[in-house]
C-alpha atoms as a PDB file:
ATOM      1  CA  MET A   1      77.098 -66.788  14.345  1.00  0.00           C
ATOM      2  CA  PRO A   2      78.822 -67.243  10.824  1.00  0.00           C
ATOM      3  CA  LEU A   3      77.930 -64.472   8.451  1.00  0.00           C
ATOM      4  CA  GLU A   4      77.243 -67.026   5.861  1.00  0.00           C
ATOM      5  CA  ASN A   5      74.219 -68.309   7.836  1.00  0.00           C
ATOM      6  CA  ALA A   6      72.867 -65.112   8.810  1.00  0.00           C
ATOM      7  CA  SER A   7      73.497 -62.674   6.028  1.00  0.00           C
ATOM      8  CA  ASP A   8      71.230 -63.639   2.931  1.00  0.00           C
ATOM      9  CA  ASP A   9      68.155 -61.873   4.244  1.00  0.00           C
ATOM     10  CA  LEU A  10      69.781 -58.957   6.321  1.00  0.00           C
ATOM     11  CA  HIS A  11      69.480 -56.441   3.482  1.00  0.00           C
ATOM     12  CA  VAL A  12      65.990 -57.369   3.206  1.00  0.00           C
ATOM     13  CA  ILE A  13      64.477 -55.081   5.935  1.00  0.00           C
ATOM     14  CA  ASP A  14      61.564 -55.073   3.669  1.00  0.00           C
ATOM     15  CA  ILE A  15      59.093 -52.407   2.964  1.00  0.00           C
ATOM     16  CA  GLU A  16      56.758 -55.151   2.102  1.00  0.00           C
ATOM     17  CA  SER A  17      56.999 -57.169   5.191  1.00  0.00           C
ATOM     18  CA  ILE A  18      54.331 -57.097   7.841  1.00  0.00           C
ATOM     19  CA  ARG A  19      55.188 -58.646  11.182  1.00  0.00           C
ATOM     20  CA  CYS A  20      52.923 -58.888  14.165  1.00  0.00           C
ATOM     21  CA  ASN A  21      54.222 -56.761  17.041  1.00  0.00           C
ATOM     22  CA  PHE A  22      53.325 -59.511  19.753  1.00  0.00           C
ATOM     23  CA  CYS A  23      54.778 -62.706  18.336  1.00  0.00           C
ATOM     24  CA  ASN A  24      56.849 -61.604  15.109  1.00  0.00           C
ATOM     25  CA  ASP A  25      54.798 -63.789  12.886  1.00  0.00           C
ATOM     26  CA  ASP A  26      54.889 -62.851   9.256  1.00  0.00           C
ATOM     27  CA  LEU A  27      51.396 -61.508   8.455  1.00  0.00           C
ATOM     28  CA  THR A  28      52.197 -60.422   4.852  1.00  0.00           C
ATOM     29  CA  ILE A  29      50.265 -63.110   3.092  1.00  0.00           C
ATOM     30  CA  LEU A  30      47.071 -62.433   5.323  1.00  0.00           C
ATOM     31  CA  PRO A  31      44.182 -60.203   4.119  1.00  0.00           C
ATOM     32  CA  LEU A  32      43.309 -57.088   6.310  1.00  0.00           C
ATOM     33  CA  SER A  33      40.587 -59.226   8.023  1.00  0.00           C
ATOM     34  CA  GLY A  34      43.093 -61.945   8.770  1.00  0.00           C
ATOM     35  CA  ARG A  35      45.529 -59.562  10.481  1.00  0.00           C
ATOM     36  CA  GLU A  36      42.550 -58.240  12.636  1.00  0.00           C
ATOM     37  CA  VAL A  37      41.802 -61.661  13.767  1.00  0.00           C
ATOM     38  CA  HIS A  38      45.513 -62.413  14.645  1.00  0.00           C
ATOM     39  CA  TYR A  39      45.820 -59.176  16.614  1.00  0.00           C
ATOM     40  CA  GLU A  40      42.442 -59.740  18.364  1.00  0.00           C
ATOM     41  CA  HIS A  41      43.536 -63.252  19.521  1.00  0.00           C
ATOM     42  CA  HIS A  42      46.565 -61.567  21.153  1.00  0.00           C
ATOM     43  CA  LEU A  43      44.431 -58.897  22.621  1.00  0.00           C
ATOM     44  CA  VAL A  44      41.971 -61.398  24.058  1.00  0.00           C
ATOM     45  CA  ASN A  45      44.128 -64.150  25.165  1.00  0.00           C
ATOM     46  CA  ASP A  46      47.776 -62.688  25.862  1.00  0.00           C
ATOM     47  CA  SER A  47      48.466 -61.191  29.196  1.00  0.00           C
ATOM     48  CA  THR A  48      51.498 -59.506  27.528  1.00  0.00           C
ATOM     49  CA  ALA A  49      49.302 -57.671  25.207  1.00  0.00           C
ATOM     50  CA  GLU A  50      47.466 -55.340  27.737  1.00  0.00           C
ATOM     51  CA  GLY A  51      48.388 -51.844  26.903  1.00  0.00           C
ATOM     52  CA  LEU A  52      48.496 -52.195  23.105  1.00  0.00           C
ATOM     53  CA  VAL A  53      45.700 -51.061  20.863  1.00  0.00           C
ATOM     54  CA  ALA A  54      45.777 -53.426  17.872  1.00  0.00           C
ATOM     55  CA  GLU A  55      46.566 -51.509  14.695  1.00  0.00           C
ATOM     56  CA  GLY A  56      46.203 -54.319  12.184  1.00  0.00           C
ATOM     57  CA  SER A  57      49.071 -52.863  10.410  1.00  0.00           C
ATOM     58  CA  ARG A  58      49.356 -49.143  10.699  1.00  0.00           C
ATOM     59  CA  ALA A  59      52.686 -49.518   8.533  1.00  0.00           C
ATOM     60  CA  PHE A  60      50.360 -49.945   5.506  1.00  0.00           C
ATOM     61  CA  PRO A  61      47.330 -47.468   4.976  1.00  0.00           C
ATOM     62  CA  ILE A  62      44.012 -49.040   5.056  1.00  0.00           C
ATOM     63  CA  ASP A  63      41.557 -48.858   2.130  1.00  0.00           C
ATOM     64  CA  LEU A  64      38.350 -47.609   3.615  1.00  0.00           C
ATOM     65  CA  ASP A  65      36.338 -48.861   0.662  1.00  0.00           C
ATOM     66  CA  THR A  66      37.713 -52.337   1.054  1.00  0.00           C
ATOM     67  CA  LEU A  67      37.283 -52.170   4.732  1.00  0.00           C
ATOM     68  CA  SER A  68      33.666 -51.194   4.544  1.00  0.00           C
ATOM     69  CA  LYS A  69      32.965 -53.949   2.082  1.00  0.00           C
ATOM     70  CA  SER A  70      34.716 -56.513   4.272  1.00  0.00           C
ATOM     71  CA  SER A  71      32.725 -55.429   7.403  1.00  0.00           C
ATOM     72  CA  ASN A  72      29.497 -56.114   5.612  1.00  0.00           C
ATOM     73  CA  SER A  73      30.268 -59.570   5.035  1.00  0.00           C
ATOM     74  CA  ARG A  74      31.036 -60.461   8.632  1.00  0.00           C
ATOM     75  CA  LYS A  75      29.781 -59.748  12.141  1.00  0.00           C
ATOM     76  CA  SER A  76      29.374 -56.402  13.452  1.00  0.00           C
ATOM     77  CA  ARG A  77      32.734 -54.445  13.908  1.00  0.00           C
ATOM     78  CA  SER A  78      32.031 -54.569  17.626  1.00  0.00           C
ATOM     79  CA  ASP A  79      32.697 -58.302  17.747  1.00  0.00           C
ATOM     80  CA  THR A  80      35.551 -60.366  16.246  1.00  0.00           C
ATOM     81  CA  ILE A  81      35.077 -63.994  15.239  1.00  0.00           C
ATOM     82  CA  ILE A  82      37.842 -66.340  16.364  1.00  0.00           C
ATOM     83  CA  GLY A  83      37.323 -69.956  15.152  1.00  0.00           C
ATOM     84  CA  GLN A  84      33.592 -70.534  16.335  1.00  0.00           C
ATOM     85  CA  LYS A  85      33.655 -68.131  19.222  1.00  0.00           C
ATOM     86  CA  VAL A  86      32.627 -64.376  19.224  1.00  0.00           C
ATOM     87  CA  PHE A  87      34.672 -62.303  21.596  1.00  0.00           C
ATOM     88  CA  PRO A  88      33.614 -58.706  22.297  1.00  0.00           C
ATOM     89  CA  LYS A  89      36.369 -56.052  21.466  1.00  0.00           C
ATOM     90  CA  LYS A  90      38.358 -54.685  24.355  1.00  0.00           C
ATOM     91  CA  LYS A  91      39.858 -51.374  24.771  1.00  0.00           C
ATOM     92  CA  PHE A  92      43.268 -51.075  26.067  1.00  0.00           C
ATOM     93  CA  SER A  93      45.196 -48.125  27.153  1.00  0.00           C
ATOM     94  CA  PHE A  94      48.852 -47.619  28.213  1.00  0.00           C
ATOM     95  CA  LYS A  95      50.266 -44.461  29.609  1.00  0.00           C
ATOM     96  CA  THR A  96      53.138 -42.946  28.137  1.00  0.00           C
ATOM     97  CA  PRO A  97      56.192 -43.462  30.520  1.00  0.00           C
ATOM     98  CA  LYS A  98      57.644 -40.410  32.259  1.00  0.00           C
ATOM     99  CA  ALA A  99      61.199 -41.308  31.103  1.00  0.00           C
ATOM    100  CA  ASP A 100      61.969 -43.373  27.978  1.00  0.00           C
ATOM    101  CA  ALA A 101      65.700 -44.605  27.967  1.00  0.00           C
ATOM    102  CA  PHE A 102      67.724 -43.058  25.071  1.00  0.00           C
ATOM    103  CA  TRP A 103      71.038 -44.658  24.089  1.00  0.00           C
ATOM    104  CA  TYR A 104      73.618 -43.768  21.505  1.00  0.00           C
ATOM    105  CA  PRO A 105      76.607 -45.938  20.226  1.00  0.00           C
ATOM    106  CA  ALA A 106      79.145 -43.575  21.922  1.00  0.00           C
ATOM    107  CA  GLN A 107      77.834 -44.866  25.377  1.00  0.00           C
ATOM    108  CA  ARG A 108      79.443 -47.608  26.984  1.00  0.00           C
ATOM    109  CA  THR A 109      76.478 -49.142  28.603  1.00  0.00           C
ATOM    110  CA  SER A 110      74.245 -51.816  27.011  1.00  0.00           C
ATOM    111  CA  PRO A 111      71.532 -50.507  24.697  1.00  0.00           C
ATOM    112  CA  PRO A 112      67.892 -51.044  25.623  1.00  0.00           C
ATOM    113  CA  ARG A 113      66.349 -54.215  24.243  1.00  0.00           C
ATOM    114  CA  ASN A 114      64.521 -52.334  21.413  1.00  0.00           C
ATOM    115  CA  TYR A 115      67.764 -50.864  20.345  1.00  0.00           C
ATOM    116  CA  THR A 116      70.040 -52.763  17.662  1.00  0.00           C
ATOM    117  CA  PRO A 117      73.314 -51.152  16.853  1.00  0.00           C
ATOM    118  CA  GLY A 118      75.889 -52.548  14.328  1.00  0.00           C
ATOM    119  CA  LEU A 119      73.352 -53.250  11.665  1.00  0.00           C
ATOM    120  CA  ILE A 120      74.978 -51.084   9.045  1.00  0.00           C
ATOM    121  CA  PRO A 121      78.226 -52.897   8.986  1.00  0.00           C
ATOM    122  CA  VAL A 122      76.539 -56.201   9.048  1.00  0.00           C
ATOM    123  CA  LEU A 123      74.391 -54.964   6.247  1.00  0.00           C
ATOM    124  CA  ARG A 124      77.405 -53.984   4.214  1.00  0.00           C
ATOM    125  CA  LYS A 125      78.589 -57.516   4.319  1.00  0.00           C
ATOM    126  CA  SER A 126      75.459 -58.951   3.160  1.00  0.00           C
ATOM    127  CA  LEU A 127      75.408 -56.483   0.332  1.00  0.00           C
ATOM    128  CA  LEU A 128      79.004 -57.499  -0.761  1.00  0.00           C
ATOM    129  CA  LYS A 129      78.004 -61.003  -0.755  1.00  0.00           C
ATOM    130  CA  SER A 130      75.012 -60.103  -2.960  1.00  0.00           C
ATOM    131  CA  HIS A 131      77.407 -58.214  -5.298  1.00  0.00           C
ATOM    132  CA  HIS A 132      79.939 -60.956  -5.352  1.00  0.00           C
ATOM    133  CA  SER A 133      77.210 -63.525  -6.371  1.00  0.00           C
ATOM    134  CA  GLY A 134      76.181 -61.233  -9.230  1.00  0.00           C
ATOM    135  CA  GLN A 135      72.763 -60.326  -7.906  1.00  0.00           C
ATOM    136  CA  LEU A 136      73.737 -56.738  -7.036  1.00  0.00           C
ATOM    137  CA  ARG A 137      75.349 -53.839  -9.074  1.00  0.00           C
ATOM    138  CA  ARG A 138      75.949 -51.421  -6.392  1.00  0.00           C
ATOM    139  CA  ALA A 139      74.639 -49.845  -3.221  1.00  0.00           C
ATOM    140  CA  ALA A 140      75.195 -47.066  -0.650  1.00  0.00           C
ATOM    141  CA  LEU A 141      74.924 -46.735   3.173  1.00  0.00           C
ATOM    142  CA  CYS A 142      74.348 -43.977   5.604  1.00  0.00           C
ATOM    143  CA  TYR A 143      76.684 -43.385   8.699  1.00  0.00           C
ATOM    144  CA  ASP A 144      77.746 -46.842   9.862  1.00  0.00           C
ATOM    145  CA  LYS A 145      76.764 -46.178  13.700  1.00  0.00           C
ATOM    146  CA  THR A 146      73.063 -45.478  12.758  1.00  0.00           C
ATOM    147  CA  VAL A 147      70.968 -47.552  15.159  1.00  0.00           C
ATOM    148  CA  HIS A 148      67.526 -49.403  14.629  1.00  0.00           C
ATOM    149  CA  ILE A 149      65.117 -48.615  17.125  1.00  0.00           C
ATOM    150  CA  ARG A 150      61.850 -50.307  17.296  1.00  0.00           C
ATOM    151  CA  ARG A 151      58.479 -49.361  18.940  1.00  0.00           C
ATOM    152  CA  GLU A 152      57.268 -50.607  22.305  1.00  0.00           C
ATOM    153  CA  ILE A 153      54.052 -51.793  23.460  1.00  0.00           C
ATOM    154  CA  TRP A 154      53.138 -48.213  24.894  1.00  0.00           C
ATOM    155  CA  ASP A 155      53.689 -46.624  21.654  1.00  0.00           C
ATOM    156  CA  ALA A 156      53.126 -49.359  19.199  1.00  0.00           C
ATOM    157  CA  SER A 157      50.127 -47.797  17.459  1.00  0.00           C
ATOM    158  CA  TRP A 158      51.681 -44.273  16.975  1.00  0.00           C
ATOM    159  CA  GLY A 159      55.277 -44.290  17.832  1.00  0.00           C
ATOM    160  CA  CYS A 160      56.802 -44.591  14.373  1.00  0.00           C
ATOM    161  CA  GLY A 161      57.649 -40.928  14.047  1.00  0.00           C
ATOM    162  CA  TYR A 162      59.216 -40.812  17.419  1.00  0.00           C
ATOM    163  CA  ARG A 163      61.382 -43.760  16.973  1.00  0.00           C
ATOM    164  CA  ASN A 164      62.524 -42.347  13.810  1.00  0.00           C
ATOM    165  CA  PHE A 165      63.415 -39.134  15.426  1.00  0.00           C
ATOM    166  CA  LEU A 166      65.400 -41.169  18.149  1.00  0.00           C
ATOM    167  CA  MET A 167      67.292 -43.008  15.250  1.00  0.00           C
ATOM    168  CA  ALA A 168      68.250 -39.629  13.573  1.00  0.00           C
ATOM    169  CA  CYS A 169      69.364 -38.219  17.208  1.00  0.00           C
ATOM    170  CA  ALA A 170      71.512 -41.354  17.908  1.00  0.00           C
ATOM    171  CA  ALA A 171      73.365 -40.776  14.685  1.00  0.00           C
ATOM    172  CA  LEU A 172      73.739 -37.269  15.094  1.00  0.00           C
ATOM    173  CA  MET A 173      75.121 -37.443  18.550  1.00  0.00           C
ATOM    174  CA  SER A 174      77.718 -40.236  17.491  1.00  0.00           C
ATOM    175  CA  GLN A 175      78.977 -38.520  14.278  1.00  0.00           C
ATOM    176  CA  THR A 176      82.166 -36.447  14.748  1.00  0.00           C
ATOM    177  CA  GLN A 177      81.932 -34.192  11.637  1.00  0.00           C
ATOM    178  CA  GLN A 178      79.794 -31.859  13.581  1.00  0.00           C
ATOM    179  CA  PRO A 179      80.799 -32.275  17.259  1.00  0.00           C
ATOM    180  CA  MET A 180      78.504 -29.312  18.355  1.00  0.00           C
ATOM    181  CA  TYR A 181      75.406 -31.267  17.474  1.00  0.00           C
ATOM    182  CA  PHE A 182      75.920 -33.493  20.510  1.00  0.00           C
ATOM    183  CA  PRO A 183      75.486 -30.605  23.168  1.00  0.00           C
ATOM    184  CA  LEU A 184      72.638 -29.234  21.089  1.00  0.00           C
ATOM    185  CA  LEU A 185      70.725 -32.410  21.249  1.00  0.00           C
ATOM    186  CA  ASP A 186      71.906 -33.704  24.868  1.00  0.00           C
ATOM    187  CA  SER A 187      71.463 -30.429  26.806  1.00  0.00           C
ATOM    188  CA  PRO A 188      69.597 -29.944  29.047  1.00  0.00           C
ATOM    189  CA  LEU A 189      68.106 -33.354  28.599  1.00  0.00           C
ATOM    190  CA  PRO A 190      68.648 -36.155  25.884  1.00  0.00           C
ATOM    191  CA  PRO A 191      66.205 -36.670  23.278  1.00  0.00           C
ATOM    192  CA  SER A 192      62.818 -37.817  24.305  1.00  0.00           C
ATOM    193  CA  PHE A 193      59.133 -37.853  23.385  1.00  0.00           C
ATOM    194  CA  CYS A 194      58.605 -34.545  25.348  1.00  0.00           C
ATOM    195  CA  ARG A 195      61.510 -32.960  23.537  1.00  0.00           C
ATOM    196  CA  CYS A 196      60.446 -34.171  20.151  1.00  0.00           C
ATOM    197  CA  SER A 197      56.757 -32.930  20.629  1.00  0.00           C
ATOM    198  CA  LYS A 198      57.702 -29.461  21.831  1.00  0.00           C
ATOM    199  CA  HIS A 199      56.939 -26.555  19.458  1.00  0.00           C
ATOM    200  CA  THR A 200      59.647 -23.806  20.453  1.00  0.00           C
ATOM    201  CA  SER A 201      58.461 -20.353  20.383  1.00  0.00           C
ATOM    202  CA  GLY A 202      58.686 -18.805  16.972  1.00  0.00           C
ATOM    203  CA  PHE A 203      58.895 -22.352  15.264  1.00  0.00           C
ATOM    204  CA  ASP A 204      56.164 -23.748  13.131  1.00  0.00           C
ATOM    205  CA  THR A 205      53.222 -21.542  14.852  1.00  0.00           C
ATOM    206  CA  ASP A 206      50.853 -22.910  12.279  1.00  0.00           C
ATOM    207  CA  GLY A 207      51.616 -26.515  13.263  1.00  0.00           C
ATOM    208  CA  LYS A 208      51.483 -25.822  16.981  1.00  0.00           C
ATOM    209  CA  ALA A 209      47.967 -24.370  16.540  1.00  0.00           C
ATOM    210  CA  GLU A 210      46.750 -27.115  14.352  1.00  0.00           C
ATOM    211  CA  LEU A 211      48.430 -29.856  16.504  1.00  0.00           C
ATOM    212  CA  LYS A 212      47.567 -28.456  19.709  1.00  0.00           C
ATOM    213  CA  LYS A 213      48.202 -31.037  22.391  1.00  0.00           C
ATOM    214  CA  LEU A 214      50.396 -33.880  21.742  1.00  0.00           C
ATOM    215  CA  ILE A 215      51.867 -35.387  25.013  1.00  0.00           C
ATOM    216  CA  GLY A 216      49.301 -37.715  26.606  1.00  0.00           C
ATOM    217  CA  THR A 217      47.520 -38.424  23.051  1.00  0.00           C
ATOM    218  CA  LYS A 218      48.215 -40.784  20.368  1.00  0.00           C
ATOM    219  CA  LYS A 219      48.784 -38.307  17.673  1.00  0.00           C
ATOM    220  CA  TRP A 220      51.430 -39.357  15.367  1.00  0.00           C
ATOM    221  CA  VAL A 221      54.752 -37.471  15.259  1.00  0.00           C
ATOM    222  CA  GLY A 222      55.163 -36.326  11.732  1.00  0.00           C
ATOM    223  CA  THR A 223      58.387 -35.054   9.750  1.00  0.00           C
ATOM    224  CA  ALA A 224      57.206 -31.545  10.222  1.00  0.00           C
ATOM    225  CA  ASP A 225      57.363 -32.077  13.987  1.00  0.00           C
ATOM    226  CA  ILE A 226      60.771 -33.707  13.619  1.00  0.00           C
ATOM    227  CA  TRP A 227      62.062 -30.952  11.664  1.00  0.00           C
ATOM    228  CA  VAL A 228      60.844 -28.407  14.142  1.00  0.00           C
ATOM    229  CA  ALA A 229      62.571 -30.464  17.093  1.00  0.00           C
ATOM    230  CA  LEU A 230      65.804 -30.309  15.003  1.00  0.00           C
ATOM    231  CA  VAL A 231      65.821 -26.722  13.564  1.00  0.00           C
ATOM    232  CA  SER A 232      64.782 -25.127  16.864  1.00  0.00           C
ATOM    233  CA  ARG A 233      67.986 -26.539  18.402  1.00  0.00           C
ATOM    234  CA  ARG A 234      69.944 -25.132  15.531  1.00  0.00           C
ATOM    235  CA  ILE A 235      70.713 -28.378  13.718  1.00  0.00           C
ATOM    236  CA  PRO A 236      70.189 -28.036   9.971  1.00  0.00           C
ATOM    237  CA  ALA A 237      67.266 -29.886   8.542  1.00  0.00           C
ATOM    238  CA  GLU A 238      65.358 -29.992   5.162  1.00  0.00           C
ATOM    239  CA  LEU A 239      61.717 -31.099   4.428  1.00  0.00           C
ATOM    240  CA  VAL A 240      61.138 -32.413   0.735  1.00  0.00           C
ATOM    241  CA  ASP A 241      57.713 -33.089  -0.534  1.00  0.00           C
ATOM    242  CA  PHE A 242      57.217 -35.506  -3.368  1.00  0.00           C
ATOM    243  CA  ASP A 243      53.943 -35.497  -5.396  1.00  0.00           C
ATOM    244  CA  PHE A 244      52.767 -38.823  -5.980  1.00  0.00           C
ATOM    245  CA  ARG A 245      49.690 -37.616  -8.045  1.00  0.00           C
ATOM    246  CA  ASN A 246      51.613 -38.611 -11.132  1.00  0.00           C
ATOM    247  CA  LYS A 247      51.763 -42.390 -10.248  1.00  0.00           C
ATOM    248  CA  GLU A 248      54.312 -43.111 -12.849  1.00  0.00           C
ATOM    249  CA  ARG A 249      56.903 -40.820 -12.118  1.00  0.00           C
ATOM    250  CA  GLY A 250      56.116 -39.957  -8.362  1.00  0.00           C
ATOM    251  CA  PRO A 251      58.134 -43.101  -6.824  1.00  0.00           C
ATOM    252  CA  GLU A 252      60.877 -42.811  -9.348  1.00  0.00           C
ATOM    253  CA  THR A 253      61.436 -39.022  -8.327  1.00  0.00           C
ATOM    254  CA  LEU A 254      61.638 -40.101  -4.619  1.00  0.00           C
ATOM    255  CA  ILE A 255      64.099 -42.802  -5.341  1.00  0.00           C
ATOM    256  CA  ASP A 256      66.327 -40.713  -7.596  1.00  0.00           C
ATOM    257  CA  TRP A 257      66.640 -38.031  -4.991  1.00  0.00           C
ATOM    258  CA  VAL A 258      67.568 -40.499  -2.427  1.00  0.00           C
ATOM    259  CA  VAL A 259      70.350 -42.087  -4.745  1.00  0.00           C
ATOM    260  CA  GLU A 260      71.420 -38.617  -5.420  1.00  0.00           C
ATOM    261  CA  TYR A 261      71.647 -37.890  -1.657  1.00  0.00           C
ATOM    262  CA  PHE A 262      73.601 -40.856  -0.785  1.00  0.00           C
ATOM    263  CA  THR A 263      75.961 -40.997  -3.846  1.00  0.00           C
ATOM    264  CA  PRO A 264      79.295 -39.555  -2.912  1.00  0.00           C
ATOM    265  CA  LYS A 265      79.893 -36.342  -5.202  1.00  0.00           C
ATOM    266  CA  ALA A 266      82.979 -37.752  -6.780  1.00  0.00           C
ATOM    267  CA  THR A 267      81.240 -40.545  -8.231  1.00  0.00           C
ATOM    268  CA  GLN A 268      78.387 -38.496  -9.798  1.00  0.00           C
ATOM    269  CA  THR A 269      80.699 -37.346 -12.599  1.00  0.00           C
ATOM    270  CA  LYS A 270      81.162 -39.151 -15.887  1.00  0.00           C
ATOM    271  CA  SER A 271      84.635 -39.394 -15.896  1.00  0.00           C
ATOM    272  CA  ALA A 272      86.516 -42.729 -16.445  1.00  0.00           C
ATOM    273  CA  ASN A 273      87.884 -42.384 -12.819  1.00  0.00           C
ATOM    274  CA  ALA A 274      84.564 -42.003 -11.367  1.00  0.00           C
ATOM    275  CA  PHE A 275      83.369 -45.052 -13.149  1.00  0.00           C
ATOM    276  CA  ASP A 276      86.288 -47.132 -12.271  1.00  0.00           C
ATOM    277  CA  SER A 277      85.621 -45.825  -8.464  1.00  0.00           C
ATOM    278  CA  ILE A 278      82.156 -47.329  -8.685  1.00  0.00           C
ATOM    279  CA  GLN A 279      83.374 -50.639 -10.143  1.00  0.00           C
ATOM    280  CA  SER A 280      86.243 -50.898  -7.166  1.00  0.00           C
ATOM    281  CA  TYR A 281      83.745 -49.925  -4.552  1.00  0.00           C
ATOM    282  CA  PRO A 282      80.392 -51.297  -5.352  1.00  0.00           C
ATOM    283  CA  ILE A 283      79.196 -50.884  -1.776  1.00  0.00           C
ATOM    284  CA  VAL A 284      79.759 -47.381  -0.730  1.00  0.00           C
ATOM    285  CA  ASN A 285      80.002 -46.301   3.002  1.00  0.00           C
ATOM    286  CA  THR A 286      79.239 -42.785   3.597  1.00  0.00           C
ATOM    287  CA  THR A 287      78.998 -40.411   6.443  1.00  0.00           C
ATOM    288  CA  LYS A 288      75.511 -39.288   5.418  1.00  0.00           C
ATOM    289  CA  MET A 289      73.039 -39.131   8.168  1.00  0.00           C
ATOM    290  CA  PRO A 290      69.851 -41.165   7.612  1.00  0.00           C
ATOM    291  CA  LEU A 291      66.627 -39.826   6.080  1.00  0.00           C
ATOM    292  CA  ILE A 292      63.124 -40.123   7.438  1.00  0.00           C
ATOM    293  CA  LEU A 293      60.535 -41.058   4.873  1.00  0.00           C
ATOM    294  CA  GLN A 294      56.811 -40.412   5.714  1.00  0.00           C
ATOM    295  CA  HIS A 295      53.801 -41.432   3.787  1.00  0.00           C
ATOM    296  CA  ASP A 296      50.180 -42.099   4.541  1.00  0.00           C
ATOM    297  CA  GLY A 297      49.969 -44.028   7.855  1.00  0.00           C
ATOM    298  CA  HIS A 298      53.693 -44.618   8.759  1.00  0.00           C
ATOM    299  CA  SER A 299      57.218 -43.331   8.438  1.00  0.00           C
ATOM    300  CA  ARG A 300      60.504 -45.176   8.353  1.00  0.00           C
ATOM    301  CA  THR A 301      64.372 -44.345   8.340  1.00  0.00           C
ATOM    302  CA  VAL A 302      66.081 -44.616   4.857  1.00  0.00           C
ATOM    303  CA  VAL A 303      69.486 -45.951   5.574  1.00  0.00           C
ATOM    304  CA  GLY A 304      70.692 -46.340   1.938  1.00  0.00           C
ATOM    305  CA  TYR A 305      69.657 -47.926  -1.437  1.00  0.00           C
ATOM    306  CA  GLU A 306      70.701 -50.872  -3.606  1.00  0.00           C
ATOM    307  CA  THR A 307      70.534 -51.391  -7.348  1.00  0.00           C
ATOM    308  CA  ASP A 308      70.170 -54.949  -8.306  1.00  0.00           C
ATOM    309  CA  ARG A 309      71.766 -56.524 -11.579  1.00  0.00           C
ATOM    310  CA  ASN A 310      68.498 -55.739 -13.556  1.00  0.00           C
ATOM    311  CA  GLY A 311      68.994 -52.051 -12.697  1.00  0.00           C
ATOM    312  CA  ILE A 312      65.997 -51.830 -10.147  1.00  0.00           C
ATOM    313  CA  THR A 313      66.578 -49.449  -7.146  1.00  0.00           C
ATOM    314  CA  LYS A 314      65.348 -50.274  -3.826  1.00  0.00           C
ATOM    315  CA  LEU A 315      65.563 -48.199  -0.561  1.00  0.00           C
ATOM    316  CA  LEU A 316      67.057 -49.857   2.306  1.00  0.00           C
ATOM    317  CA  ILE A 317      65.015 -49.192   5.367  1.00  0.00           C
ATOM    318  CA  PHE A 318      65.092 -49.322   9.199  1.00  0.00           C
ATOM    319  CA  ASP A 319      61.436 -49.747  10.084  1.00  0.00           C
ATOM    320  CA  PRO A 320      60.535 -48.953  13.558  1.00  0.00           C
ATOM    321  CA  ALA A 321      57.559 -51.593  13.464  1.00  0.00           C
ATOM    322  CA  TYR A 322      60.184 -54.403  12.462  1.00  0.00           C
ATOM    323  CA  HIS A 323      61.292 -56.791  15.173  1.00  0.00           C
ATOM    324  CA  ILE A 324      64.826 -57.587  14.622  1.00  0.00           C
ATOM    325  CA  SER A 325      65.449 -61.290  15.774  1.00  0.00           C
ATOM    326  CA  ASP A 326      67.659 -61.945  18.958  1.00  0.00           C
ATOM    327  CA  GLU A 327      70.099 -63.881  16.397  1.00  0.00           C
ATOM    328  CA  ILE A 328      70.711 -61.014  14.062  1.00  0.00           C
ATOM    329  CA  ARG A 329      70.728 -58.587  17.041  1.00  0.00           C
ATOM    330  CA  ASP A 330      73.313 -60.583  18.856  1.00  0.00           C
ATOM    331  CA  TYR A 331      75.448 -60.883  15.817  1.00  0.00           C
ATOM    332  CA  ALA A 332      75.225 -57.162  14.906  1.00  0.00           C
ATOM    333  CA  MET A 333      76.151 -55.942  18.643  1.00  0.00           C
ATOM    334  CA  SER A 334      79.106 -58.378  18.307  1.00  0.00           C
ATOM    335  CA  GLU A 335      80.443 -56.460  15.442  1.00  0.00           C
ATOM    336  CA  GLY A 336      82.610 -53.945  17.504  1.00  0.00           C
ATOM    337  CA  LEU A 337      80.283 -52.719  20.050  1.00  0.00           C
ATOM    338  CA  GLU A 338      82.088 -51.846  23.078  1.00  0.00           C
ATOM    339  CA  ILE A 339      80.361 -52.138  26.414  1.00  0.00           C
ATOM    340  CA  ASP A 340      81.723 -51.551  29.622  1.00  0.00           C
ATOM    341  CA  PRO A 341      81.049 -54.732  31.710  1.00  0.00           C
ATOM    342  CA  ASP A 342      80.720 -52.761  34.969  1.00  0.00           C
ATOM    343  CA  ARG A 343      77.987 -50.583  33.478  1.00  0.00           C
ATOM    344  CA  GLN A 344      75.766 -53.244  31.604  1.00  0.00           C
ATOM    345  CA  GLY A 345      71.835 -52.832  32.187  1.00  0.00           C
END
């Protein structure tokens, strides 16, 4: 597939996009009640929906005041109206599988269907195109073998943190600057939900007491749990907390921190050479590991940032709730991914 026909929207793995986990329809313009009706239609009528508890959009926190007002203007919340018919709400359950396949780019087998490698190089091409057209000043990207991993039916209502953990592990196990990270993550077993949720003795005892049981529940895996999973295996990790009570400065502080993280040190000086470097290389590839950003109701993996021609900086996001189209996935995988034909799965 030619890049010219596919790249225009690639860097908009958008924080504002709300996609249906069943059919990938764009639900962004629908109000909350409309999204609920959309999901209920799948849950009532789709055989493929069995096992998924509809979350409406857990990617975006629900305003309880708005929700209570809307519930008063329609039928009881135990029923949902679809057209002129009223369907009783059904409860679905889906057990966590005993084994969830984990894949990283150094493997020569085909990745699972919910894994999309090769997006960072494709994203770079798209950003370069935006720069050449005058729409973009500069951008920086994380380690180029970072993989997008989306949730599946069994973890669709709670698995964002778990999938972000796997994205971090896939990058850490593929990078070569610190080769000892691989055995620390791979032994005795590769990353999994059980390994992510294990509070090792002596690490985060307060968190263990508060969380109690995690496996077999639908409790979210947060950044603190991911920090425990990494640090307990002697992999350096850092938790950074941003105070958004100052609504004007809070988001800006977060963005500034991310820009600082992804900007190579050589380009942070004010020398003419550094300025020339930025002009010569407006899209910077780094060896930085991706970041995990958690907020109320959801978490995402930050893979870089872009600054447009107006000076507005946006974060580039891999959202585990986002379904990468087959067209883009196939194109990304064609960008240099080596698969052993005898071991394709």
